[in-house]
């Protein structure tokens, strides 16, 4: 299972809101919804988030072993 918990921490630290992602960085609201619900995103989106937040993928997503 994937979790975007690291993303929310990183965004809070960098003072970037989901509103700012949509308005200033032209993210689709559906993409933000996918992030909120721990659904998959594209590698392009992951790359854009890394660039915006000046971070690595580990600061955005974590993979959680089930079981």
N, C-alpha and C. Protein backbone atom coordinates (compact mmCIF):
# COMPACT_ATOMS: atom_id res chain seq x y z
N UNK A 1 0.85 -1.17 0.00
CA UNK A 1 0.00 0.00 0.00
C UNK A 1 0.89 1.23 0.00
N UNK A 2 0.44 2.28 -0.66
CA UNK A 2 1.21 3.53 -0.67
C UNK A 2 0.59 4.54 0.27
N UNK A 3 1.43 5.40 0.80
CA UNK A 3 0.97 6.46 1.69
C UNK A 3 1.69 7.75 1.31
N UNK A 4 0.93 8.81 1.28
CA UNK A 4 1.52 10.12 1.01
C UNK A 4 1.70 10.93 2.29
N UNK A 5 1.74 10.26 3.43
CA UNK A 5 1.97 10.96 4.71
C UNK A 5 3.25 11.80 4.66
N UNK A 6 4.34 11.29 4.05
CA UNK A 6 5.55 12.13 3.98
C UNK A 6 5.31 13.43 3.19
N UNK A 7 4.46 13.36 2.17
CA UNK A 7 4.16 14.55 1.36
C UNK A 7 3.54 15.63 2.22
N UNK A 8 2.56 15.26 3.04
CA UNK A 8 1.87 16.27 3.86
C UNK A 8 2.82 16.90 4.86
N UNK A 9 3.73 16.11 5.41
CA UNK A 9 4.73 16.67 6.33
C UNK A 9 5.66 17.63 5.59
N UNK A 10 6.11 17.21 4.41
CA UNK A 10 7.02 18.03 3.61
C UNK A 10 6.35 19.33 3.19
N UNK A 11 5.09 19.24 2.75
CA UNK A 11 4.36 20.45 2.34
C UNK A 11 4.19 21.40 3.52
N UNK A 12 3.89 20.86 4.68
CA UNK A 12 3.72 21.70 5.87
C UNK A 12 5.04 22.39 6.20
N UNK A 13 6.14 21.65 6.17
CA UNK A 13 7.46 22.23 6.46
C UNK A 13 7.82 23.34 5.48
N UNK A 14 7.42 23.17 4.21
CA UNK A 14 7.77 24.15 3.17
C UNK A 14 6.68 25.20 2.96
N UNK A 15 5.61 25.10 3.78
CA UNK A 15 4.49 26.05 3.71
C UNK A 15 3.84 26.12 2.33
N UNK A 16 3.61 24.95 1.76
CA UNK A 16 2.90 24.86 0.49
C UNK A 16 1.60 24.09 0.72
N UNK A 17 0.49 24.69 0.33
CA UNK A 17 -0.82 24.08 0.53
C UNK A 17 -1.31 23.41 -0.74
N UNK A 18 -2.35 22.60 -0.60
CA UNK A 18 -2.95 21.98 -1.80
C UNK A 18 -3.56 23.07 -2.68
N UNK A 19 -4.08 24.12 -2.07
CA UNK A 19 -4.61 25.24 -2.84
C UNK A 19 -3.52 25.85 -3.72
N UNK A 20 -2.34 26.01 -3.15
CA UNK A 20 -1.21 26.57 -3.90
C UNK A 20 -0.80 25.63 -5.04
N UNK A 21 -0.82 24.31 -4.79
CA UNK A 21 -0.51 23.35 -5.85
C UNK A 21 -1.45 23.53 -7.04
N UNK A 22 -2.73 23.71 -6.74
CA UNK A 22 -3.73 23.85 -7.80
C UNK A 22 -3.62 25.21 -8.49
N UNK A 23 -3.57 26.27 -7.72
CA UNK A 23 -3.61 27.63 -8.29
C UNK A 23 -2.27 28.09 -8.86
N UNK A 24 -1.18 27.88 -8.12
CA UNK A 24 0.12 28.41 -8.56
C UNK A 24 0.90 27.45 -9.45
N UNK A 25 0.70 26.15 -9.24
CA UNK A 25 1.48 25.16 -9.99
C UNK A 25 0.64 24.37 -10.98
N UNK A 26 -0.63 24.75 -11.12
CA UNK A 26 -1.55 24.18 -12.11
C UNK A 26 -1.73 22.67 -11.99
N UNK A 27 -1.75 22.17 -10.75
CA UNK A 27 -2.06 20.76 -10.52
C UNK A 27 -3.55 20.57 -10.73
N UNK A 28 -3.92 19.44 -11.29
CA UNK A 28 -5.31 19.10 -11.46
C UNK A 28 -5.90 18.74 -10.10
N UNK A 29 -7.12 19.18 -9.84
CA UNK A 29 -7.78 18.88 -8.56
C UNK A 29 -7.93 17.37 -8.37
N UNK A 30 -8.10 16.63 -9.45
CA UNK A 30 -8.22 15.17 -9.35
C UNK A 30 -6.91 14.56 -8.85
N UNK A 31 -5.78 15.10 -9.28
CA UNK A 31 -4.48 14.61 -8.81
C UNK A 31 -4.34 14.85 -7.31
N UNK A 32 -4.74 16.03 -6.86
CA UNK A 32 -4.68 16.34 -5.43
C UNK A 32 -5.61 15.39 -4.67
N UNK A 33 -6.77 15.10 -5.24
CA UNK A 33 -7.70 14.15 -4.61
C UNK A 33 -7.06 12.76 -4.51
N UNK A 34 -6.37 12.33 -5.56
CA UNK A 34 -5.67 11.04 -5.52
C UNK A 34 -4.64 11.02 -4.40
N UNK A 35 -3.93 12.11 -4.23
CA UNK A 35 -2.93 12.20 -3.16
C UNK A 35 -3.60 12.10 -1.79
N UNK A 36 -4.69 12.80 -1.64
CA UNK A 36 -5.41 12.79 -0.35
C UNK A 36 -5.90 11.40 0.02
N UNK A 37 -6.22 10.60 -1.00
CA UNK A 37 -6.79 9.27 -0.75
C UNK A 37 -5.78 8.14 -0.98
N UNK A 38 -4.50 8.47 -1.01
CA UNK A 38 -3.43 7.48 -1.17
C UNK A 38 -3.61 6.62 -2.42
N UNK A 39 -4.05 7.25 -3.51
CA UNK A 39 -4.18 6.55 -4.78
C UNK A 39 -2.93 6.82 -5.62
N UNK A 40 -2.79 6.08 -6.70
CA UNK A 40 -1.56 6.20 -7.49
C UNK A 40 -1.50 7.52 -8.25
N UNK A 41 -0.27 7.95 -8.50
CA UNK A 41 0.00 9.12 -9.33
C UNK A 41 1.06 8.71 -10.35
N UNK A 42 1.25 9.53 -11.35
CA UNK A 42 2.25 9.22 -12.37
C UNK A 42 3.64 9.63 -11.90
N UNK A 43 4.63 9.08 -12.56
CA UNK A 43 6.01 9.46 -12.26
C UNK A 43 6.24 10.92 -12.62
N UNK A 44 5.56 11.41 -13.63
CA UNK A 44 5.67 12.82 -14.01
C UNK A 44 5.20 13.70 -12.85
N UNK A 45 4.07 13.33 -12.25
CA UNK A 45 3.55 14.07 -11.11
C UNK A 45 4.52 14.01 -9.94
N UNK A 46 5.06 12.83 -9.67
CA UNK A 46 6.03 12.68 -8.60
C UNK A 46 7.23 13.60 -8.85
N UNK A 47 7.70 13.63 -10.09
CA UNK A 47 8.82 14.50 -10.45
C UNK A 47 8.51 15.97 -10.25
N UNK A 48 7.29 16.38 -10.62
CA UNK A 48 6.89 17.78 -10.44
C UNK A 48 6.85 18.13 -8.96
N UNK A 49 6.31 17.23 -8.14
CA UNK A 49 6.26 17.48 -6.71
C UNK A 49 7.67 17.61 -6.13
N UNK A 50 8.57 16.73 -6.56
CA UNK A 50 9.96 16.80 -6.09
C UNK A 50 10.59 18.14 -6.46
N UNK A 51 10.31 18.61 -7.67
CA UNK A 51 10.87 19.87 -8.12
C UNK A 51 10.29 21.05 -7.32
N UNK A 52 8.97 21.07 -7.15
CA UNK A 52 8.31 22.15 -6.42
C UNK A 52 8.78 22.21 -4.97
N UNK A 53 8.88 21.03 -4.35
CA UNK A 53 9.22 20.97 -2.93
C UNK A 53 10.72 20.85 -2.67
N UNK A 54 11.50 20.77 -3.76
CA UNK A 54 12.95 20.63 -3.64
C UNK A 54 13.29 19.48 -2.70
N UNK A 55 12.80 18.29 -3.06
CA UNK A 55 12.98 17.12 -2.20
C UNK A 55 13.14 15.86 -3.04
N UNK A 56 13.24 14.72 -2.39
CA UNK A 56 13.35 13.44 -3.10
C UNK A 56 12.02 12.67 -2.98
N UNK A 57 11.83 11.63 -3.79
CA UNK A 57 10.60 10.85 -3.71
C UNK A 57 10.30 10.31 -2.31
N UNK A 58 11.33 10.00 -1.54
CA UNK A 58 11.11 9.50 -0.18
C UNK A 58 10.45 10.55 0.72
N UNK A 59 10.53 11.82 0.34
CA UNK A 59 9.88 12.89 1.09
C UNK A 59 8.42 13.06 0.67
N UNK A 60 7.97 12.24 -0.29
CA UNK A 60 6.62 12.36 -0.83
C UNK A 60 5.79 11.10 -0.60
N UNK A 61 6.39 9.95 -0.84
CA UNK A 61 5.63 8.70 -0.78
C UNK A 61 6.38 7.65 0.01
N UNK A 62 5.61 6.81 0.70
CA UNK A 62 6.23 5.64 1.35
C UNK A 62 5.38 4.43 1.03
N UNK A 63 6.05 3.30 0.97
CA UNK A 63 5.37 2.03 0.68
C UNK A 63 5.25 1.26 1.99
N UNK A 64 4.03 0.86 2.31
CA UNK A 64 3.76 0.19 3.57
C UNK A 64 3.44 -1.28 3.29
N UNK A 65 4.22 -2.15 3.92
CA UNK A 65 3.98 -3.59 3.79
C UNK A 65 2.73 -3.95 4.57
N UNK A 66 1.88 -4.71 3.93
CA UNK A 66 0.68 -5.16 4.63
C UNK A 66 0.92 -6.58 5.12
N UNK A 67 0.33 -6.85 6.27
CA UNK A 67 0.45 -8.22 6.78
C UNK A 67 1.42 -8.28 7.82
